[in-house]
């Protein structure tokens, strides 16, 4: 219970801190609106309101992933630049539980993306906000945020030795939202893309939200999100252990 409390207290603190950043808020609330607007005009040709809601939810998850790609992938590097990485590693709590709330808080800012895109679609395009399974939809949001946050944690642990980790993680933003079907259905993409999409959290986070909103079953997608979260966390835990051990041995924690 002490470790669980540590995670949620840290998550709340980091979420508040990130919410005070104008860059993070613009990325979370404004950038997805550009993609949402483009998607509305493309999907509006079908003249069906559910189709527009489909595009709106895809743009919302795109906002969550954009935040993760732009910030979470280089989370460890930022702690180095701020000069606090040594303190975080030396803390009594496992480094995994110190870093995980940071990446999940970054993804948690995606709640602004969801609110912004839904309201934007409603006010400007008249997209109805009716949700078929409200409770499942409410459950899908934190599960999707958790899974994408764990993907960000995995990126941070993989890219920790890469000096340009931030640039590399940002470069992953567009390929991932494209192959996960956030705005373009996976069925329209080459067949080899689907197996890659199945291993990425945004695919299932989007499906759980869309199915709950439009009347499908969200439980398989929710199960996939939770399974991927566990897989990402396990891999990140192992990689962070290797990084911490080697950094201690070589005294390279403070090196950028």
C-alpha atoms as a PDB file:
ATOM      1  CA  UNK A   1       0.000   0.000   0.000  1.00  0.00           C
ATOM      2  CA  UNK A   2       2.921   2.335   0.658  1.00  0.00           C
ATOM      3  CA  UNK A   3       4.170   1.887  -2.908  1.00  0.00           C
ATOM      4  CA  UNK A   4       0.666   2.330  -4.344  1.00  0.00           C
ATOM      5  CA  UNK A   5       0.263   5.534  -2.367  1.00  0.00           C
ATOM      6  CA  UNK A   6       3.664   6.706  -3.609  1.00  0.00           C
ATOM      7  CA  UNK A   7       2.578   6.157  -7.204  1.00  0.00           C
ATOM      8  CA  UNK A   8      -0.703   8.066  -6.921  1.00  0.00           C
ATOM      9  CA  UNK A   9       0.707  10.937  -4.852  1.00  0.00           C
ATOM     10  CA  UNK A  10       3.546  11.354  -7.360  1.00  0.00           C
ATOM     11  CA  UNK A  11       1.072  11.132 -10.233  1.00  0.00           C
ATOM     12  CA  UNK A  12      -1.041  13.923  -8.752  1.00  0.00           C
ATOM     13  CA  UNK A  13       1.975  16.175  -8.127  1.00  0.00           C
ATOM     14  CA  UNK A  14       3.418  15.707 -11.615  1.00  0.00           C
ATOM     15  CA  UNK A  15       0.020  16.179 -13.245  1.00  0.00           C
ATOM     16  CA  UNK A  16      -0.397  19.529 -11.480  1.00  0.00           C
ATOM     17  CA  UNK A  17       3.130  20.577 -12.404  1.00  0.00           C
ATOM     18  CA  UNK A  18       2.681  19.665 -16.066  1.00  0.00           C
ATOM     19  CA  UNK A  19      -0.706  21.390 -16.172  1.00  0.00           C
ATOM     20  CA  UNK A  20       1.074  24.656 -15.345  1.00  0.00           C
ATOM     21  CA  UNK A  21       3.225  24.362 -18.477  1.00  0.00           C
ATOM     22  CA  UNK A  22       1.931  26.382 -21.420  1.00  0.00           C
ATOM     23  CA  UNK A  23       3.787  24.109 -23.856  1.00  0.00           C
ATOM     24  CA  UNK A  24       2.130  20.993 -22.476  1.00  0.00           C
ATOM     25  CA  UNK A  25      -1.324  22.554 -22.484  1.00  0.00           C
ATOM     26  CA  UNK A  26      -0.958  23.816 -26.059  1.00  0.00           C
ATOM     27  CA  UNK A  27       0.243  20.392 -27.153  1.00  0.00           C
ATOM     28  CA  UNK A  28      -2.616  18.713 -25.316  1.00  0.00           C
ATOM     29  CA  UNK A  29      -5.512  20.996 -26.206  1.00  0.00           C
ATOM     30  CA  UNK A  30      -4.640  22.881 -29.397  1.00  0.00           C
ATOM     31  CA  UNK A  31      -2.565  20.557 -31.554  1.00  0.00           C
ATOM     32  CA  UNK A  32      -5.210  17.755 -31.651  1.00  0.00           C
ATOM     33  CA  UNK A  33      -7.805  20.283 -32.814  1.00  0.00           C
ATOM     34  CA  UNK A  34      -5.880  20.794 -36.043  1.00  0.00           C
ATOM     35  CA  UNK A  35      -6.021  17.076 -36.825  1.00  0.00           C
ATOM     36  CA  UNK A  36      -9.603  16.869 -35.623  1.00  0.00           C
ATOM     37  CA  UNK A  37     -10.649  19.667 -37.975  1.00  0.00           C
ATOM     38  CA  UNK A  38      -8.983  17.979 -40.933  1.00  0.00           C
ATOM     39  CA  UNK A  39     -10.609  14.677 -40.002  1.00  0.00           C
ATOM     40  CA  UNK A  40     -14.042  16.295 -39.642  1.00  0.00           C
ATOM     41  CA  UNK A  41     -13.918  17.690 -43.171  1.00  0.00           C
ATOM     42  CA  UNK A  42     -12.750  14.360 -44.579  1.00  0.00           C
ATOM     43  CA  UNK A  43     -15.242  12.230 -42.674  1.00  0.00           C
ATOM     44  CA  UNK A  44     -18.111  14.675 -43.111  1.00  0.00           C
ATOM     45  CA  UNK A  45     -18.444  13.511 -46.693  1.00  0.00           C
ATOM     46  CA  UNK A  46     -20.253  10.498 -45.260  1.00  0.00           C
ATOM     47  CA  UNK A  47     -22.844  12.840 -43.718  1.00  0.00           C
ATOM     48  CA  UNK A  48     -23.187  10.592 -40.653  1.00  0.00           C
ATOM     49  CA  UNK A  49     -22.825  11.960 -37.137  1.00  0.00           C
ATOM     50  CA  UNK A  50     -21.349   8.724 -35.672  1.00  0.00           C
ATOM     51  CA  UNK A  51     -18.601   8.944 -38.278  1.00  0.00           C
ATOM     52  CA  UNK A  52     -17.694  12.423 -37.050  1.00  0.00           C
ATOM     53  CA  UNK A  53     -17.641  11.191 -33.446  1.00  0.00           C
ATOM     54  CA  UNK A  54     -15.381   8.367 -34.648  1.00  0.00           C
ATOM     55  CA  UNK A  55     -12.946  10.950 -36.000  1.00  0.00           C
ATOM     56  CA  UNK A  56     -13.217  13.090 -32.867  1.00  0.00           C
ATOM     57  CA  UNK A  57     -12.238  10.245 -30.543  1.00  0.00           C
ATOM     58  CA  UNK A  58      -9.371   9.275 -32.818  1.00  0.00           C
ATOM     59  CA  UNK A  59      -8.030  12.833 -32.653  1.00  0.00           C
ATOM     60  CA  UNK A  60      -8.368  12.778 -28.858  1.00  0.00           C
ATOM     61  CA  UNK A  61      -6.237   9.629 -28.523  1.00  0.00           C
ATOM     62  CA  UNK A  62      -3.833  11.187 -31.029  1.00  0.00           C
ATOM     63  CA  UNK A  63      -3.406  14.042 -28.563  1.00  0.00           C
ATOM     64  CA  UNK A  64      -2.547  11.609 -25.771  1.00  0.00           C
ATOM     65  CA  UNK A  65       0.044   9.889 -27.934  1.00  0.00           C
ATOM     66  CA  UNK A  66       1.507  13.215 -29.141  1.00  0.00           C
ATOM     67  CA  UNK A  67       2.141  14.238 -25.536  1.00  0.00           C
ATOM     68  CA  UNK A  68       3.727  10.888 -24.788  1.00  0.00           C
ATOM     69  CA  UNK A  69       5.967  10.972 -27.834  1.00  0.00           C
ATOM     70  CA  UNK A  70       7.066  14.573 -27.308  1.00  0.00           C
ATOM     71  CA  UNK A  71       7.787  14.341 -23.586  1.00  0.00           C
ATOM     72  CA  UNK A  72       7.692  10.887 -22.009  1.00  0.00           C
ATOM     73  CA  UNK A  73      10.303   9.329 -24.290  1.00  0.00           C
ATOM     74  CA  UNK A  74      12.969  11.690 -22.960  1.00  0.00           C
ATOM     75  CA  UNK A  75      11.776  11.782 -19.346  1.00  0.00           C
ATOM     76  CA  UNK A  76      15.069  10.472 -17.962  1.00  0.00           C
ATOM     77  CA  UNK A  77      17.065  12.936 -20.052  1.00  0.00           C
ATOM     78  CA  UNK A  78      15.055  15.840 -18.638  1.00  0.00           C
ATOM     79  CA  UNK A  79      15.826  14.704 -15.102  1.00  0.00           C
ATOM     80  CA  UNK A  80      19.509  14.772 -16.070  1.00  0.00           C
ATOM     81  CA  UNK A  81      19.245  18.282 -17.513  1.00  0.00           C
ATOM     82  CA  UNK A  82      17.500  19.478 -14.359  1.00  0.00           C
ATOM     83  CA  UNK A  83      20.259  17.947 -12.208  1.00  0.00           C
ATOM     84  CA  UNK A  84      17.949  15.753 -10.129  1.00  0.00           C
ATOM     85  CA  UNK A  85      18.486  12.327 -11.707  1.00  0.00           C
ATOM     86  CA  UNK A  86      21.043  11.340  -9.054  1.00  0.00           C
ATOM     87  CA  UNK A  87      18.568  12.257  -6.294  1.00  0.00           C
ATOM     88  CA  UNK A  88      15.786  10.245  -7.915  1.00  0.00           C
ATOM     89  CA  UNK A  89      17.968   7.164  -8.313  1.00  0.00           C
ATOM     90  CA  UNK A  90      19.228   7.504  -4.727  1.00  0.00           C
ATOM     91  CA  UNK A  91      15.693   7.771  -3.332  1.00  0.00           C
ATOM     92  CA  UNK A  92      14.551   4.876  -1.105  1.00  0.00           C
ATOM     93  CA  UNK A  93      11.714   4.030  -3.504  1.00  0.00           C
ATOM     94  CA  UNK A  94      12.483   1.912  -6.601  1.00  0.00           C
ATOM     95  CA  UNK A  95      13.465   4.100  -9.548  1.00  0.00           C
ATOM     96  CA  UNK A  96      10.702   2.457 -11.602  1.00  0.00           C
ATOM     97  CA  UNK A  97       8.060   3.842  -9.226  1.00  0.00           C
ATOM     98  CA  UNK A  98       9.716   7.257  -9.302  1.00  0.00           C
ATOM     99  CA  UNK A  99       9.715   7.497 -13.092  1.00  0.00           C
ATOM    100  CA  UNK A 100       6.411   5.755 -13.915  1.00  0.00           C
ATOM    101  CA  UNK A 101       4.181   8.511 -12.408  1.00  0.00           C
ATOM    102  CA  UNK A 102       5.991  11.072 -14.578  1.00  0.00           C
ATOM    103  CA  UNK A 103       5.220   9.312 -17.865  1.00  0.00           C
ATOM    104  CA  UNK A 104       1.655   8.447 -16.832  1.00  0.00           C
ATOM    105  CA  UNK A 105       1.087  12.085 -15.768  1.00  0.00           C
ATOM    106  CA  UNK A 106       2.291  13.223 -19.193  1.00  0.00           C
ATOM    107  CA  UNK A 107      -0.202  10.902 -20.854  1.00  0.00           C
ATOM    108  CA  UNK A 108      -2.823  11.975 -18.313  1.00  0.00           C
ATOM    109  CA  UNK A 109      -2.737  15.462 -19.798  1.00  0.00           C
ATOM    110  CA  UNK A 110      -4.534  13.802 -22.693  1.00  0.00           C
ATOM    111  CA  UNK A 111      -7.734  14.411 -20.730  1.00  0.00           C
ATOM    112  CA  UNK A 112      -7.453  17.966 -22.057  1.00  0.00           C
ATOM    113  CA  UNK A 113      -7.244  16.532 -25.584  1.00  0.00           C
ATOM    114  CA  UNK A 114     -10.409  14.518 -25.078  1.00  0.00           C
ATOM    115  CA  UNK A 115     -12.352  17.455 -23.651  1.00  0.00           C
ATOM    116  CA  UNK A 116     -11.062  19.882 -26.290  1.00  0.00           C
ATOM    117  CA  UNK A 117     -11.767  17.689 -29.319  1.00  0.00           C
ATOM    118  CA  UNK A 118     -15.235  16.661 -28.159  1.00  0.00           C
ATOM    119  CA  UNK A 119     -16.260  20.240 -27.373  1.00  0.00           C
ATOM    120  CA  UNK A 120     -14.665  21.525 -30.595  1.00  0.00           C
ATOM    121  CA  UNK A 121     -16.584  18.981 -32.621  1.00  0.00           C
ATOM    122  CA  UNK A 122     -19.823  19.758 -30.813  1.00  0.00           C
ATOM    123  CA  UNK A 123     -19.620  23.548 -31.057  1.00  0.00           C
ATOM    124  CA  UNK A 124     -18.176  23.870 -34.557  1.00  0.00           C
ATOM    125  CA  UNK A 125     -19.435  20.785 -36.400  1.00  0.00           C
ATOM    126  CA  UNK A 126     -22.483  19.771 -34.368  1.00  0.00           C
ATOM    127  CA  UNK A 127     -21.110  16.329 -33.480  1.00  0.00           C
ATOM    128  CA  UNK A 128     -23.455  14.768 -30.898  1.00  0.00           C
ATOM    129  CA  UNK A 129     -21.848  13.850 -27.586  1.00  0.00           C
ATOM    130  CA  UNK A 130     -24.173  10.925 -26.932  1.00  0.00           C
ATOM    131  CA  UNK A 131     -22.254   7.897 -25.602  1.00  0.00           C
ATOM    132  CA  UNK A 132     -23.882   4.468 -25.785  1.00  0.00           C
ATOM    133  CA  UNK A 133     -22.063   2.931 -22.795  1.00  0.00           C
ATOM    134  CA  UNK A 134     -21.171   5.808 -20.514  1.00  0.00           C
ATOM    135  CA  UNK A 135     -19.636   3.769 -17.676  1.00  0.00           C
ATOM    136  CA  UNK A 136     -17.486   1.738 -20.045  1.00  0.00           C
ATOM    137  CA  UNK A 137     -16.422   4.930 -21.789  1.00  0.00           C
ATOM    138  CA  UNK A 138     -15.439   6.486 -18.450  1.00  0.00           C
ATOM    139  CA  UNK A 139     -13.415   3.361 -17.646  1.00  0.00           C
ATOM    140  CA  UNK A 140     -11.766   3.316 -21.064  1.00  0.00           C
ATOM    141  CA  UNK A 141     -10.194   6.754 -20.611  1.00  0.00           C
ATOM    142  CA  UNK A 142      -7.935   6.007 -17.589  1.00  0.00           C
ATOM    143  CA  UNK A 143      -7.091   2.540 -18.920  1.00  0.00           C
ATOM    144  CA  UNK A 144      -6.021   4.026 -22.269  1.00  0.00           C
ATOM    145  CA  UNK A 145      -4.026   6.754 -20.524  1.00  0.00           C
ATOM    146  CA  UNK A 146      -2.286   4.168 -18.321  1.00  0.00           C
ATOM    147  CA  UNK A 147      -1.333   1.947 -21.250  1.00  0.00           C
ATOM    148  CA  UNK A 148       0.013   4.838 -23.337  1.00  0.00           C
ATOM    149  CA  UNK A 149       1.864   6.156 -20.280  1.00  0.00           C
ATOM    150  CA  UNK A 150       3.512   2.755 -19.814  1.00  0.00           C
ATOM    151  CA  UNK A 151       4.516   2.858 -23.486  1.00  0.00           C
ATOM    152  CA  UNK A 152       6.152   6.220 -22.757  1.00  0.00           C
ATOM    153  CA  UNK A 153       7.956   4.670 -19.806  1.00  0.00           C
ATOM    154  CA  UNK A 154       9.257   1.913 -22.064  1.00  0.00           C
ATOM    155  CA  UNK A 155      10.464   4.513 -24.570  1.00  0.00           C
ATOM    156  CA  UNK A 156      12.226   6.407 -21.781  1.00  0.00           C
ATOM    157  CA  UNK A 157      14.002   3.266 -20.585  1.00  0.00           C
ATOM    158  CA  UNK A 158      15.021   2.247 -24.114  1.00  0.00           C
ATOM    159  CA  UNK A 159      16.254   5.708 -25.164  1.00  0.00           C
ATOM    160  CA  UNK A 160      18.096   6.558 -21.964  1.00  0.00           C
ATOM    161  CA  UNK A 161      21.534   6.066 -23.549  1.00  0.00           C
ATOM    162  CA  UNK A 162      20.594   7.982 -26.712  1.00  0.00           C
ATOM    163  CA  UNK A 163      21.717  11.614 -26.522  1.00  0.00           C
ATOM    164  CA  UNK A 164      18.986  12.789 -28.898  1.00  0.00           C
ATOM    165  CA  UNK A 165      16.249  10.746 -27.230  1.00  0.00           C
ATOM    166  CA  UNK A 166      13.734  13.591 -27.412  1.00  0.00           C
ATOM    167  CA  UNK A 167      14.182  14.057 -31.165  1.00  0.00           C
ATOM    168  CA  UNK A 168      13.939  10.327 -31.790  1.00  0.00           C
ATOM    169  CA  UNK A 169      10.784   9.892 -29.708  1.00  0.00           C
ATOM    170  CA  UNK A 170       9.131  12.849 -31.480  1.00  0.00           C
ATOM    171  CA  UNK A 171      10.007  11.208 -34.807  1.00  0.00           C
ATOM    172  CA  UNK A 172       7.888   8.227 -33.732  1.00  0.00           C
ATOM    173  CA  UNK A 173       4.789  10.410 -33.301  1.00  0.00           C
ATOM    174  CA  UNK A 174       3.466  10.383 -36.871  1.00  0.00           C
ATOM    175  CA  UNK A 175       4.256   6.743 -37.792  1.00  0.00           C
ATOM    176  CA  UNK A 176       2.539   5.453 -34.650  1.00  0.00           C
ATOM    177  CA  UNK A 177      -0.673   7.479 -34.981  1.00  0.00           C
ATOM    178  CA  UNK A 178      -0.842   6.469 -38.625  1.00  0.00           C
ATOM    179  CA  UNK A 179      -0.406   2.707 -38.207  1.00  0.00           C
ATOM    180  CA  UNK A 180      -2.604   2.506 -35.099  1.00  0.00           C
ATOM    181  CA  UNK A 181      -5.621   3.764 -37.029  1.00  0.00           C
ATOM    182  CA  UNK A 182      -6.278   6.890 -34.994  1.00  0.00           C
ATOM    183  CA  UNK A 183      -7.512   8.801 -38.040  1.00  0.00           C
ATOM    184  CA  UNK A 184      -7.035   6.353 -40.920  1.00  0.00           C
ATOM    185  CA  UNK A 185      -8.664   2.895 -40.515  1.00  0.00           C
ATOM    186  CA  UNK A 186      -6.111   0.095 -40.284  1.00  0.00           C
ATOM    187  CA  UNK A 187      -8.083  -1.820 -42.928  1.00  0.00           C
ATOM    188  CA  UNK A 188      -6.997   0.773 -45.507  1.00  0.00           C
ATOM    189  CA  UNK A 189      -3.303   0.247 -44.743  1.00  0.00           C
ATOM    190  CA  UNK A 190      -1.020  -2.546 -46.024  1.00  0.00           C
ATOM    191  CA  UNK A 191      -1.560  -5.933 -44.408  1.00  0.00           C
ATOM    192  CA  UNK A 192       1.821  -6.007 -42.664  1.00  0.00           C
ATOM    193  CA  UNK A 193       0.857  -2.943 -40.609  1.00  0.00           C
ATOM    194  CA  UNK A 194      -1.837  -4.715 -38.555  1.00  0.00           C
ATOM    195  CA  UNK A 195       0.494  -6.979 -36.483  1.00  0.00           C
ATOM    196  CA  UNK A 196       2.571  -3.920 -35.546  1.00  0.00           C
ATOM    197  CA  UNK A 197      -0.551  -1.994 -34.548  1.00  0.00           C
ATOM    198  CA  UNK A 198      -1.679  -4.825 -32.248  1.00  0.00           C
ATOM    199  CA  UNK A 199       1.428  -4.333 -30.115  1.00  0.00           C
ATOM    200  CA  UNK A 200       0.862  -0.596 -29.617  1.00  0.00           C
ATOM    201  CA  UNK A 201      -1.332   0.791 -26.853  1.00  0.00           C
ATOM    202  CA  UNK A 202      -2.982   3.642 -28.841  1.00  0.00           C
ATOM    203  CA  UNK A 203      -4.650   1.039 -31.087  1.00  0.00           C
ATOM    204  CA  UNK A 204      -6.564  -0.546 -28.222  1.00  0.00           C
ATOM    205  CA  UNK A 205      -7.115   2.645 -26.255  1.00  0.00           C
ATOM    206  CA  UNK A 206      -8.828   4.156 -29.269  1.00  0.00           C
ATOM    207  CA  UNK A 207     -10.904   1.013 -29.900  1.00  0.00           C
ATOM    208  CA  UNK A 208     -12.130   0.827 -26.316  1.00  0.00           C
ATOM    209  CA  UNK A 209     -13.271   4.458 -26.377  1.00  0.00           C
ATOM    210  CA  UNK A 210     -14.844   4.253 -29.821  1.00  0.00           C
ATOM    211  CA  UNK A 211     -16.688   1.013 -29.100  1.00  0.00           C
ATOM    212  CA  UNK A 212     -18.037   2.387 -25.830  1.00  0.00           C
ATOM    213  CA  UNK A 213     -19.200   5.578 -27.534  1.00  0.00           C
ATOM    214  CA  UNK A 214     -20.650   4.031 -30.677  1.00  0.00           C
ATOM    215  CA  UNK A 215     -22.198   0.889 -29.218  1.00  0.00           C
ATOM    216  CA  UNK A 216     -19.646  -1.908 -29.605  1.00  0.00           C
ATOM    217  CA  UNK A 217     -17.974  -4.126 -27.000  1.00  0.00           C
ATOM    218  CA  UNK A 218     -15.009  -2.447 -25.316  1.00  0.00           C
ATOM    219  CA  UNK A 219     -13.940  -5.303 -23.056  1.00  0.00           C
ATOM    220  CA  UNK A 220     -11.519  -7.040 -25.472  1.00  0.00           C
ATOM    221  CA  UNK A 221      -9.794  -3.713 -26.148  1.00  0.00           C
ATOM    222  CA  UNK A 222      -9.685  -2.903 -22.429  1.00  0.00           C
ATOM    223  CA  UNK A 223      -8.126  -6.298 -21.725  1.00  0.00           C
ATOM    224  CA  UNK A 224      -5.545  -5.658 -24.453  1.00  0.00           C
ATOM    225  CA  UNK A 225      -4.713  -2.252 -22.913  1.00  0.00           C
ATOM    226  CA  UNK A 226      -4.177  -3.787 -19.496  1.00  0.00           C
ATOM    227  CA  UNK A 227      -2.123  -6.641 -20.944  1.00  0.00           C
ATOM    228  CA  UNK A 228       0.095  -4.232 -22.868  1.00  0.00           C
ATOM    229  CA  UNK A 229       0.467  -2.040 -19.778  1.00  0.00           C
ATOM    230  CA  UNK A 230       1.768  -5.038 -17.841  1.00  0.00           C
ATOM    231  CA  UNK A 231       4.097  -6.036 -20.680  1.00  0.00           C
ATOM    232  CA  UNK A 232       5.458  -2.504 -21.085  1.00  0.00           C
ATOM    233  CA  UNK A 233       5.949  -2.142 -17.324  1.00  0.00           C
ATOM    234  CA  UNK A 234       7.794  -5.467 -17.091  1.00  0.00           C
ATOM    235  CA  UNK A 235      10.152  -4.596 -19.944  1.00  0.00           C
ATOM    236  CA  UNK A 236      10.728  -1.076 -18.605  1.00  0.00           C
ATOM    237  CA  UNK A 237      11.436  -2.402 -15.111  1.00  0.00           C
ATOM    238  CA  UNK A 238      14.133  -4.705 -16.468  1.00  0.00           C
ATOM    239  CA  UNK A 239      15.679  -2.059 -18.716  1.00  0.00           C
ATOM    240  CA  UNK A 240      15.712   0.579 -15.971  1.00  0.00           C
ATOM    241  CA  UNK A 241      17.430  -1.921 -13.677  1.00  0.00           C
ATOM    242  CA  UNK A 242      20.161  -2.442 -16.255  1.00  0.00           C
ATOM    243  CA  UNK A 243      20.517   1.314 -16.787  1.00  0.00           C
ATOM    244  CA  UNK A 244      20.698   2.049 -13.059  1.00  0.00           C
ATOM    245  CA  UNK A 245      23.271  -0.688 -12.402  1.00  0.00           C
ATOM    246  CA  UNK A 246      25.552   0.396 -15.259  1.00  0.00           C
ATOM    247  CA  UNK A 247      25.203   4.081 -14.415  1.00  0.00           C
ATOM    248  CA  UNK A 248      26.205   3.400 -10.815  1.00  0.00           C
ATOM    249  CA  UNK A 249      29.172   1.279 -11.886  1.00  0.00           C
ATOM    250  CA  UNK A 250      30.425   3.874 -14.397  1.00  0.00           C
ATOM    251  CA  UNK A 251      29.383   6.994 -12.449  1.00  0.00           C
ATOM    252  CA  UNK A 252      27.562   8.374 -15.501  1.00  0.00           C
ATOM    253  CA  UNK A 253      24.222   9.426 -14.005  1.00  0.00           C
ATOM    254  CA  UNK A 254      24.943  13.128 -14.392  1.00  0.00           C
ATOM    255  CA  UNK A 255      26.429  12.884 -17.879  1.00  0.00           C
ATOM    256  CA  UNK A 256      24.348  14.268 -20.735  1.00  0.00           C
END
